[in-house]
C-alpha atoms as a PDB file:
ATOM      1  CA  UNK A   1      79.824 292.115  63.878  1.00  0.00           C
ATOM      2  CA  UNK A   2      80.014 290.176  67.103  1.00  0.00           C
ATOM      3  CA  UNK A   3      82.840 287.601  67.094  1.00  0.00           C
ATOM      4  CA  UNK A   4      81.867 283.942  67.169  1.00  0.00           C
ATOM      5  CA  UNK A   5      84.809 282.511  69.086  1.00  0.00           C
ATOM      6  CA  UNK A   6      87.784 283.343  71.272  1.00  0.00           C
ATOM      7  CA  UNK A   7      91.074 281.908  70.050  1.00  0.00           C
ATOM      8  CA  UNK A   8      93.481 281.246  72.953  1.00  0.00           C
ATOM      9  CA  UNK A   9      97.258 280.777  72.794  1.00  0.00           C
ATOM     10  CA  UNK A  10      99.697 279.318  75.296  1.00  0.00           C
ATOM     11  CA  UNK A  11     103.487 279.184  75.348  1.00  0.00           C
ATOM     12  CA  UNK A  12     105.621 277.246  77.828  1.00  0.00           C
ATOM     13  CA  UNK A  13     103.335 274.199  77.762  1.00  0.00           C
ATOM     14  CA  UNK A  14     104.884 273.358  74.384  1.00  0.00           C
ATOM     15  CA  UNK A  15     108.094 272.430  76.240  1.00  0.00           C
ATOM     16  CA  UNK A  16     106.539 269.865  78.559  1.00  0.00           C
ATOM     17  CA  UNK A  17     106.846 266.788  76.336  1.00  0.00           C
ATOM     18  CA  UNK A  18     104.981 263.778  77.721  1.00  0.00           C
ATOM     19  CA  UNK A  19     103.435 265.951  80.473  1.00  0.00           C
ATOM     20  CA  UNK A  20     101.921 268.364  77.995  1.00  0.00           C
ATOM     21  CA  UNK A  21      98.408 266.885  78.163  1.00  0.00           C
ATOM     22  CA  UNK A  22      98.408 267.259  81.963  1.00  0.00           C
ATOM     23  CA  UNK A  23      99.387 270.948  81.667  1.00  0.00           C
ATOM     24  CA  UNK A  24      96.773 271.554  78.952  1.00  0.00           C
ATOM     25  CA  UNK A  25      94.039 269.941  81.054  1.00  0.00           C
ATOM     26  CA  UNK A  26      94.927 272.073  84.075  1.00  0.00           C
ATOM     27  CA  UNK A  27      94.977 275.206  81.902  1.00  0.00           C
ATOM     28  CA  UNK A  28      91.526 274.404  80.534  1.00  0.00           C
ATOM     29  CA  UNK A  29      90.184 273.756  84.055  1.00  0.00           C
ATOM     30  CA  UNK A  30      91.634 277.076  85.253  1.00  0.00           C
ATOM     31  CA  UNK A  31      90.100 278.962  82.330  1.00  0.00           C
ATOM     32  CA  UNK A  32      86.670 277.552  83.133  1.00  0.00           C
ATOM     33  CA  UNK A  33      86.934 278.422  86.826  1.00  0.00           C
ATOM     34  CA  UNK A  34      88.263 281.967  86.404  1.00  0.00           C
ATOM     35  CA  UNK A  35      86.033 282.996  83.485  1.00  0.00           C
ATOM     36  CA  UNK A  36      82.995 280.884  84.497  1.00  0.00           C
ATOM     37  CA  UNK A  37      82.539 279.553  80.965  1.00  0.00           C
ATOM     38  CA  UNK A  38      81.557 275.923  80.478  1.00  0.00           C
ATOM     39  CA  UNK A  39      83.294 274.793  77.310  1.00  0.00           C
ATOM     40  CA  UNK A  40      86.873 275.117  76.090  1.00  0.00           C
ATOM     41  CA  UNK A  41      87.976 273.031  73.121  1.00  0.00           C
ATOM     42  CA  UNK A  42      91.530 271.934  72.368  1.00  0.00           C
ATOM     43  CA  UNK A  43      92.905 272.455  68.884  1.00  0.00           C
ATOM     44  CA  UNK A  44      96.429 271.753  67.718  1.00  0.00           C
ATOM     45  CA  UNK A  45      98.578 274.283  69.669  1.00  0.00           C
ATOM     46  CA  UNK A  46      95.484 276.390  70.389  1.00  0.00           C
ATOM     47  CA  UNK A  47      92.390 276.447  72.572  1.00  0.00           C
ATOM     48  CA  UNK A  48      89.015 277.737  71.406  1.00  0.00           C
ATOM     49  CA  UNK A  49      85.934 278.915  73.289  1.00  0.00           C
ATOM     50  CA  UNK A  50      82.623 280.387  72.241  1.00  0.00           C
ATOM     51  CA  UNK A  51      82.734 284.170  72.364  1.00  0.00           C
ATOM     52  CA  UNK A  52      81.711 285.685  75.707  1.00  0.00           C
ATOM     53  CA  UNK A  53      81.475 289.404  76.563  1.00  0.00           C
ATOM     54  CA  UNK A  54      83.647 289.208  79.708  1.00  0.00           C
ATOM     55  CA  UNK A  55      86.631 287.783  77.821  1.00  0.00           C
ATOM     56  CA  UNK A  56      88.980 290.223  79.593  1.00  0.00           C
ATOM     57  CA  UNK A  57      88.973 287.725  82.504  1.00  0.00           C
ATOM     58  CA  UNK A  58      91.223 285.548  80.350  1.00  0.00           C
ATOM     59  CA  UNK A  59      94.084 287.906  81.223  1.00  0.00           C
ATOM     60  CA  UNK A  60      93.856 286.535  84.784  1.00  0.00           C
ATOM     61  CA  UNK A  61      94.661 282.965  83.675  1.00  0.00           C
ATOM     62  CA  UNK A  62      98.351 282.168  84.057  1.00  0.00           C
ATOM     63  CA  UNK A  63      99.551 279.980  81.206  1.00  0.00           C
ATOM     64  CA  UNK A  64      97.832 281.954  78.441  1.00  0.00           C
ATOM     65  CA  UNK A  65     100.109 284.177  76.358  1.00  0.00           C
ATOM     66  CA  UNK A  66      97.391 285.927  74.329  1.00  0.00           C
ATOM     67  CA  UNK A  67      93.899 285.595  72.923  1.00  0.00           C
ATOM     68  CA  UNK A  68      91.808 287.000  70.076  1.00  0.00           C
ATOM     69  CA  UNK A  69      88.053 287.411  69.601  1.00  0.00           C
ATOM     70  CA  UNK A  70      87.621 285.644  66.270  1.00  0.00           C
ATOM     71  CA  UNK A  71      85.349 284.698  63.386  1.00  0.00           C
ATOM     72  CA  UNK A  72      85.269 281.341  61.605  1.00  0.00           C
ATOM     73  CA  UNK A  73      84.964 279.915  58.094  1.00  0.00           C
ATOM     74  CA  UNK A  74      85.457 276.471  56.590  1.00  0.00           C
ATOM     75  CA  UNK A  75      88.716 275.733  54.790  1.00  0.00           C
ATOM     76  CA  UNK A  76      87.424 276.669  51.371  1.00  0.00           C
ATOM     77  CA  UNK A  77      89.021 279.592  49.554  1.00  0.00           C
ATOM     78  CA  UNK A  78      85.739 281.095  48.369  1.00  0.00           C
ATOM     79  CA  UNK A  79      84.262 280.888  51.859  1.00  0.00           C
ATOM     80  CA  UNK A  80      87.432 282.430  53.302  1.00  0.00           C
ATOM     81  CA  UNK A  81      87.223 285.370  50.893  1.00  0.00           C
ATOM     82  CA  UNK A  82      83.524 285.935  51.584  1.00  0.00           C
ATOM     83  CA  UNK A  83      84.025 285.755  55.345  1.00  0.00           C
ATOM     84  CA  UNK A  84      86.934 288.191  55.225  1.00  0.00           C
ATOM     85  CA  UNK A  85      84.840 290.601  53.183  1.00  0.00           C
ATOM     86  CA  UNK A  86      81.908 290.431  55.607  1.00  0.00           C
ATOM     87  CA  UNK A  87      84.228 291.194  58.548  1.00  0.00           C
ATOM     88  CA  UNK A  88      86.111 294.123  57.042  1.00  0.00           C
ATOM     89  CA  UNK A  89      83.634 295.735  54.637  1.00  0.00           C
ATOM     90  CA  UNK A  90      82.469 298.401  57.101  1.00  0.00           C
ATOM     91  CA  UNK A  91      86.001 299.518  57.964  1.00  0.00           C
ATOM     92  CA  UNK A  92      87.497 302.715  56.559  1.00  0.00           C
ATOM     93  CA  UNK A  93      90.949 303.537  55.201  1.00  0.00           C
ATOM     94  CA  UNK A  94      93.664 301.042  54.301  1.00  0.00           C
ATOM     95  CA  UNK A  95      94.037 297.350  55.063  1.00  0.00           C
ATOM     96  CA  UNK A  96      96.383 294.386  54.974  1.00  0.00           C
ATOM     97  CA  UNK A  97      95.898 290.628  55.250  1.00  0.00           C
ATOM     98  CA  UNK A  98      98.265 288.494  57.342  1.00  0.00           C
ATOM     99  CA  UNK A  99      97.808 284.734  57.117  1.00  0.00           C
ATOM    100  CA  UNK A 100      99.325 281.952  59.211  1.00  0.00           C
ATOM    101  CA  UNK A 101      98.806 278.511  57.682  1.00  0.00           C
ATOM    102  CA  UNK A 102      99.259 275.950  60.481  1.00  0.00           C
ATOM    103  CA  UNK A 103      97.588 273.242  58.398  1.00  0.00           C
ATOM    104  CA  UNK A 104     100.213 272.558  55.730  1.00  0.00           C
ATOM    105  CA  UNK A 105      97.765 270.349  53.807  1.00  0.00           C
ATOM    106  CA  UNK A 106      95.847 273.448  52.764  1.00  0.00           C
ATOM    107  CA  UNK A 107      96.756 273.835  49.074  1.00  0.00           C
ATOM    108  CA  UNK A 108      97.631 277.546  49.099  1.00  0.00           C
ATOM    109  CA  UNK A 109     100.555 279.101  50.950  1.00  0.00           C
ATOM    110  CA  UNK A 110     100.171 282.115  53.225  1.00  0.00           C
ATOM    111  CA  UNK A 111     101.393 284.760  50.690  1.00  0.00           C
ATOM    112  CA  UNK A 112      98.999 283.373  48.071  1.00  0.00           C
ATOM    113  CA  UNK A 113      96.078 283.568  50.495  1.00  0.00           C
ATOM    114  CA  UNK A 114      97.020 287.136  51.368  1.00  0.00           C
ATOM    115  CA  UNK A 115      96.938 288.138  47.692  1.00  0.00           C
ATOM    116  CA  UNK A 116      93.659 286.407  46.856  1.00  0.00           C
ATOM    117  CA  UNK A 117      91.809 287.732  49.897  1.00  0.00           C
ATOM    118  CA  UNK A 118      93.306 291.220  49.479  1.00  0.00           C
ATOM    119  CA  UNK A 119      92.333 291.455  45.819  1.00  0.00           C
ATOM    120  CA  UNK A 120      88.799 290.299  46.619  1.00  0.00           C
ATOM    121  CA  UNK A 121      88.412 292.961  49.325  1.00  0.00           C
ATOM    122  CA  UNK A 122      89.794 295.741  47.103  1.00  0.00           C
ATOM    123  CA  UNK A 123      87.402 294.718  44.332  1.00  0.00           C
ATOM    124  CA  UNK A 124      84.326 294.744  46.588  1.00  0.00           C
ATOM    125  CA  UNK A 125      84.984 297.691  48.939  1.00  0.00           C
ATOM    126  CA  UNK A 126      86.516 301.159  48.963  1.00  0.00           C
ATOM    127  CA  UNK A 127      89.396 299.940  51.135  1.00  0.00           C
ATOM    128  CA  UNK A 128      92.923 300.249  49.757  1.00  0.00           C
ATOM    129  CA  UNK A 129      95.785 297.845  50.405  1.00  0.00           C
ATOM    130  CA  UNK A 130      98.796 299.167  52.329  1.00  0.00           C
ATOM    131  CA  UNK A 131     101.788 296.964  53.099  1.00  0.00           C
ATOM    132  CA  UNK A 132     103.522 299.111  55.751  1.00  0.00           C
ATOM    133  CA  UNK A 133     100.968 301.464  57.313  1.00  0.00           C
ATOM    134  CA  UNK A 134      97.658 299.658  57.097  1.00  0.00           C
ATOM    135  CA  UNK A 135      94.934 301.030  59.370  1.00  0.00           C
ATOM    136  CA  UNK A 136      93.153 297.657  59.465  1.00  0.00           C
ATOM    137  CA  UNK A 137      95.119 294.410  59.681  1.00  0.00           C
ATOM    138  CA  UNK A 138      92.929 291.332  59.283  1.00  0.00           C
ATOM    139  CA  UNK A 139      94.750 288.203  60.463  1.00  0.00           C
ATOM    140  CA  UNK A 140      93.820 284.703  59.335  1.00  0.00           C
ATOM    141  CA  UNK A 141      94.878 281.467  61.033  1.00  0.00           C
ATOM    142  CA  UNK A 142      94.218 278.278  59.095  1.00  0.00           C
ATOM    143  CA  UNK A 143      94.424 275.132  61.179  1.00  0.00           C
ATOM    144  CA  UNK A 144      93.018 271.609  61.051  1.00  0.00           C
ATOM    145  CA  UNK A 145      89.523 272.759  62.045  1.00  0.00           C
ATOM    146  CA  UNK A 146      89.122 275.730  59.718  1.00  0.00           C
ATOM    147  CA  UNK A 147      90.013 279.384  59.224  1.00  0.00           C
ATOM    148  CA  UNK A 148      89.871 281.896  62.061  1.00  0.00           C
ATOM    149  CA  UNK A 149      89.822 285.661  61.449  1.00  0.00           C
ATOM    150  CA  UNK A 150      90.694 288.401  63.939  1.00  0.00           C
ATOM    151  CA  UNK A 151      91.960 291.972  64.242  1.00  0.00           C
ATOM    152  CA  UNK A 152      93.159 292.106  67.841  1.00  0.00           C
ATOM    153  CA  UNK A 153      95.720 290.074  69.785  1.00  0.00           C
ATOM    154  CA  UNK A 154      95.274 290.725  73.505  1.00  0.00           C
ATOM    155  CA  UNK A 155      98.359 289.934  75.562  1.00  0.00           C
ATOM    156  CA  UNK A 156      98.195 287.807  78.717  1.00  0.00           C
ATOM    157  CA  UNK A 157     100.781 287.066  81.424  1.00  0.00           C
ATOM    158  CA  UNK A 158     102.026 283.691  80.162  1.00  0.00           C
ATOM    159  CA  UNK A 159     103.824 281.390  82.563  1.00  0.00           C
ATOM    160  CA  UNK A 160     102.484 277.992  83.641  1.00  0.00           C
ATOM    161  CA  UNK A 161      98.949 277.068  84.720  1.00  0.00           C
ATOM    162  CA  UNK A 162      98.481 277.595  88.449  1.00  0.00           C
ATOM    163  CA  UNK A 163      98.367 274.252  90.244  1.00  0.00           C
ATOM    164  CA  UNK A 164     100.720 272.141  88.125  1.00  0.00           C
ATOM    165  CA  UNK A 165     103.714 272.461  90.487  1.00  0.00           C
ATOM    166  CA  UNK A 166     102.216 271.695  93.890  1.00  0.00           C
ATOM    167  CA  UNK A 167     101.308 273.825  96.910  1.00  0.00           C
ATOM    168  CA  UNK A 168     103.323 276.464  98.766  1.00  0.00           C
ATOM    169  CA  UNK A 169     102.616 278.720 101.749  1.00  0.00           C
ATOM    170  CA  UNK A 170     102.725 282.506 101.305  1.00  0.00           C
ATOM    171  CA  UNK A 171     103.388 284.814 104.242  1.00  0.00           C
ATOM    172  CA  UNK A 172     101.288 287.927 103.537  1.00  0.00           C
ATOM    173  CA  UNK A 173     102.943 290.851 105.297  1.00  0.00           C
ATOM    174  CA  UNK A 174     102.511 293.694 102.790  1.00  0.00           C
ATOM    175  CA  UNK A 175     101.840 294.425  99.113  1.00  0.00           C
ATOM    176  CA  UNK A 176     105.220 293.003  98.115  1.00  0.00           C
ATOM    177  CA  UNK A 177     104.041 289.672  99.523  1.00  0.00           C
ATOM    178  CA  UNK A 178     101.162 289.718  97.035  1.00  0.00           C
ATOM    179  CA  UNK A 179     103.594 290.130  94.145  1.00  0.00           C
ATOM    180  CA  UNK A 180     105.708 287.253  95.475  1.00  0.00           C
ATOM    181  CA  UNK A 181     102.579 285.102  95.548  1.00  0.00           C
ATOM    182  CA  UNK A 182     101.623 286.054  91.994  1.00  0.00           C
ATOM    183  CA  UNK A 183     105.083 285.171  90.700  1.00  0.00           C
ATOM    184  CA  UNK A 184     104.871 281.736  92.323  1.00  0.00           C
ATOM    185  CA  UNK A 185     101.375 281.193  90.920  1.00  0.00           C
ATOM    186  CA  UNK A 186     102.714 282.145  87.492  1.00  0.00           C
ATOM    187  CA  UNK A 187     105.328 279.399  87.861  1.00  0.00           C
ATOM    188  CA  UNK A 188     102.558 276.862  88.454  1.00  0.00           C
ATOM    189  CA  UNK A 189     102.265 276.804  92.259  1.00  0.00           C
ATOM    190  CA  UNK A 190      99.036 276.833  94.221  1.00  0.00           C
ATOM    191  CA  UNK A 191      99.271 279.100  97.253  1.00  0.00           C
ATOM    192  CA  UNK A 192      98.006 279.001 100.821  1.00  0.00           C
ATOM    193  CA  UNK A 193      98.099 282.594 102.164  1.00  0.00           C
ATOM    194  CA  UNK A 194      99.091 283.070 105.812  1.00  0.00           C
ATOM    195  CA  UNK A 195      99.173 286.132 108.042  1.00  0.00           C
ATOM    196  CA  UNK A 196      99.096 287.114 111.684  1.00  0.00           C
ATOM    197  CA  UNK A 197      96.765 290.007 110.810  1.00  0.00           C
ATOM    198  CA  UNK A 198      93.856 290.611 108.468  1.00  0.00           C
ATOM    199  CA  UNK A 199      95.115 291.391 104.947  1.00  0.00           C
ATOM    200  CA  UNK A 200      93.457 292.087 101.599  1.00  0.00           C
ATOM    201  CA  UNK A 201      94.205 289.141  99.291  1.00  0.00           C
ATOM    202  CA  UNK A 202      91.761 290.104  96.521  1.00  0.00           C
ATOM    203  CA  UNK A 203      94.634 290.570  94.036  1.00  0.00           C
ATOM    204  CA  UNK A 204      95.713 286.969  94.633  1.00  0.00           C
ATOM    205  CA  UNK A 205      92.132 285.756  94.297  1.00  0.00           C
ATOM    206  CA  UNK A 206      91.820 287.545  90.957  1.00  0.00           C
ATOM    207  CA  UNK A 207      94.405 285.160  89.472  1.00  0.00           C
ATOM    208  CA  UNK A 208      93.588 282.026  91.464  1.00  0.00           C
ATOM    209  CA  UNK A 209      91.288 279.364  90.007  1.00  0.00           C
ATOM    210  CA  UNK A 210      90.560 278.147  93.540  1.00  0.00           C
ATOM    211  CA  UNK A 211      88.894 279.989  96.411  1.00  0.00           C
ATOM    212  CA  UNK A 212      91.553 281.437  98.701  1.00  0.00           C
ATOM    213  CA  UNK A 213      91.237 281.936 102.442  1.00  0.00           C
ATOM    214  CA  UNK A 214      93.680 283.884 104.581  1.00  0.00           C
ATOM    215  CA  UNK A 215      94.888 281.533 107.314  1.00  0.00           C
ATOM    216  CA  UNK A 216      95.856 282.979 110.675  1.00  0.00           C
ATOM    217  CA  UNK A 217      99.297 281.996 111.913  1.00  0.00           C
ATOM    218  CA  UNK A 218     101.468 283.335 114.733  1.00  0.00           C
ATOM    219  CA  UNK A 219     104.113 280.637 114.863  1.00  0.00           C
ATOM    220  CA  UNK A 220     105.971 279.908 111.624  1.00  0.00           C
ATOM    221  CA  UNK A 221     107.617 276.888 113.255  1.00  0.00           C
ATOM    222  CA  UNK A 222     104.340 275.062 112.659  1.00  0.00           C
ATOM    223  CA  UNK A 223     105.323 274.979 108.964  1.00  0.00           C
ATOM    224  CA  UNK A 224     108.088 272.480 109.568  1.00  0.00           C
ATOM    225  CA  UNK A 225     109.474 271.091 106.282  1.00  0.00           C
ATOM    226  CA  UNK A 226     107.024 273.126 104.169  1.00  0.00           C
ATOM    227  CA  UNK A 227     107.850 275.657 101.433  1.00  0.00           C
ATOM    228  CA  UNK A 228     107.324 279.219 102.667  1.00  0.00           C
ATOM    229  CA  UNK A 229     107.375 282.197 100.274  1.00  0.00           C
ATOM    230  CA  UNK A 230     108.204 285.654 101.646  1.00  0.00           C
ATOM    231  CA  UNK A 231     107.953 288.977  99.811  1.00  0.00           C
ATOM    232  CA  UNK A 232     111.279 290.411 100.878  1.00  0.00           C
ATOM    233  CA  UNK A 233     113.854 292.056  98.663  1.00  0.00           C
ATOM    234  CA  UNK A 234     117.490 292.665  99.549  1.00  0.00           C
ATOM    235  CA  UNK A 235     116.742 296.122 101.034  1.00  0.00           C
ATOM    236  CA  UNK A 236     114.373 294.791 103.700  1.00  0.00           C
ATOM    237  CA  UNK A 237     115.900 291.378 104.256  1.00  0.00           C
ATOM    238  CA  UNK A 238     115.361 289.840 107.661  1.00  0.00           C
ATOM    239  CA  UNK A 239     116.025 286.392 108.976  1.00  0.00           C
ATOM    240  CA  UNK A 240     113.445 283.734 109.678  1.00  0.00           C
ATOM    241  CA  UNK A 241     114.348 280.553 111.516  1.00  0.00           C
ATOM    242  CA  UNK A 242     111.459 278.125 110.969  1.00  0.00           C
ATOM    243  CA  UNK A 243     112.374 274.628 109.798  1.00  0.00           C
ATOM    244  CA  UNK A 244     110.904 275.229 106.364  1.00  0.00           C
ATOM    245  CA  UNK A 245     112.368 276.020 102.973  1.00  0.00           C
ATOM    246  CA  UNK A 246     112.112 279.785 102.429  1.00  0.00           C
ATOM    247  CA  UNK A 247     111.786 281.262  98.933  1.00  0.00           C
ATOM    248  CA  UNK A 248     112.278 284.983  98.295  1.00  0.00           C
ATOM    249  CA  UNK A 249     111.319 285.534  94.630  1.00  0.00           C
ATOM    250  CA  UNK A 250     111.691 289.336  94.997  1.00  0.00           C
ATOM    251  CA  UNK A 251     115.200 289.261  96.448  1.00  0.00           C
ATOM    252  CA  UNK A 252     116.726 291.065  93.428  1.00  0.00           C
ATOM    253  CA  UNK A 253     113.817 293.482  92.944  1.00  0.00           C
ATOM    254  CA  UNK A 254     114.121 297.154  93.858  1.00  0.00           C
ATOM    255  CA  UNK A 255     111.240 298.813  95.709  1.00  0.00           C
ATOM    256  CA  UNK A 256     110.469 300.731  92.511  1.00  0.00           C
ATOM    257  CA  UNK A 257     110.293 297.552  90.440  1.00  0.00           C
ATOM    258  CA  UNK A 258     107.951 295.973  92.993  1.00  0.00           C
ATOM    259  CA  UNK A 259     105.619 298.970  92.717  1.00  0.00           C
ATOM    260  CA  UNK A 260     105.724 298.830  88.913  1.00  0.00           C
ATOM    261  CA  UNK A 261     105.010 295.098  88.826  1.00  0.00           C
ATOM    262  CA  UNK A 262     102.082 295.447  91.226  1.00  0.00           C
ATOM    263  CA  UNK A 263     100.547 298.096  88.955  1.00  0.00           C
ATOM    264  CA  UNK A 264     101.089 295.736  86.021  1.00  0.00           C
ATOM    265  CA  UNK A 265      99.019 292.979  87.668  1.00  0.00           C
ATOM    266  CA  UNK A 266      96.391 295.225  89.265  1.00  0.00           C
END
């Protein structure tokens, strides 16, 4: 079966209080730009989009913690059981149901839903329930809109939506500079890449909701009173004297850790 929706989760935005709606709006805008989908709907503590085959692009959206291709049913216990059966009936081996009931007005608690759905599946298939070593784990989230069903939770990079914390300049000197830029984007900053030579910034573009252009610069003093990010660690530290605020997010990173992190994002 082809999933009907993609259920999206975010983390740090929960902590933003009165600014939360601003962060959610920017996250939704970034999702649309990076994935090129047109519609993202806000649920309580979740976002939802129609299923699209290139959903792996969601991993390039900072602010998302995970997502799941999902199926949907109305909040009716019989419909939930039938939907679960239709999703899992062609699987082989053992299974388990894991329910999260976000909508506390739903009359049954999560353990009760697990039992009812599990018994219905055992009765109508050859699958056998296994609590500890299930080969198929069907997860159910019940929220205000309905019940969502999924097998897979695909991890994303988390952080904050790029663009919520203003603009910084990134001096692109080497691959470490790219990692420094990604870390700042993950903390919500938009970046303006600078270099005195031609550099490949495709890794930065992969995670940026906006089109990036590498700006030529030979004199850093032109960045007076701007924020400049440099990809130096302690082992290759050198002094810059422009009248700008210099950030070195990799200062405590070893060369090995920089290489590992770059592979992680590539």
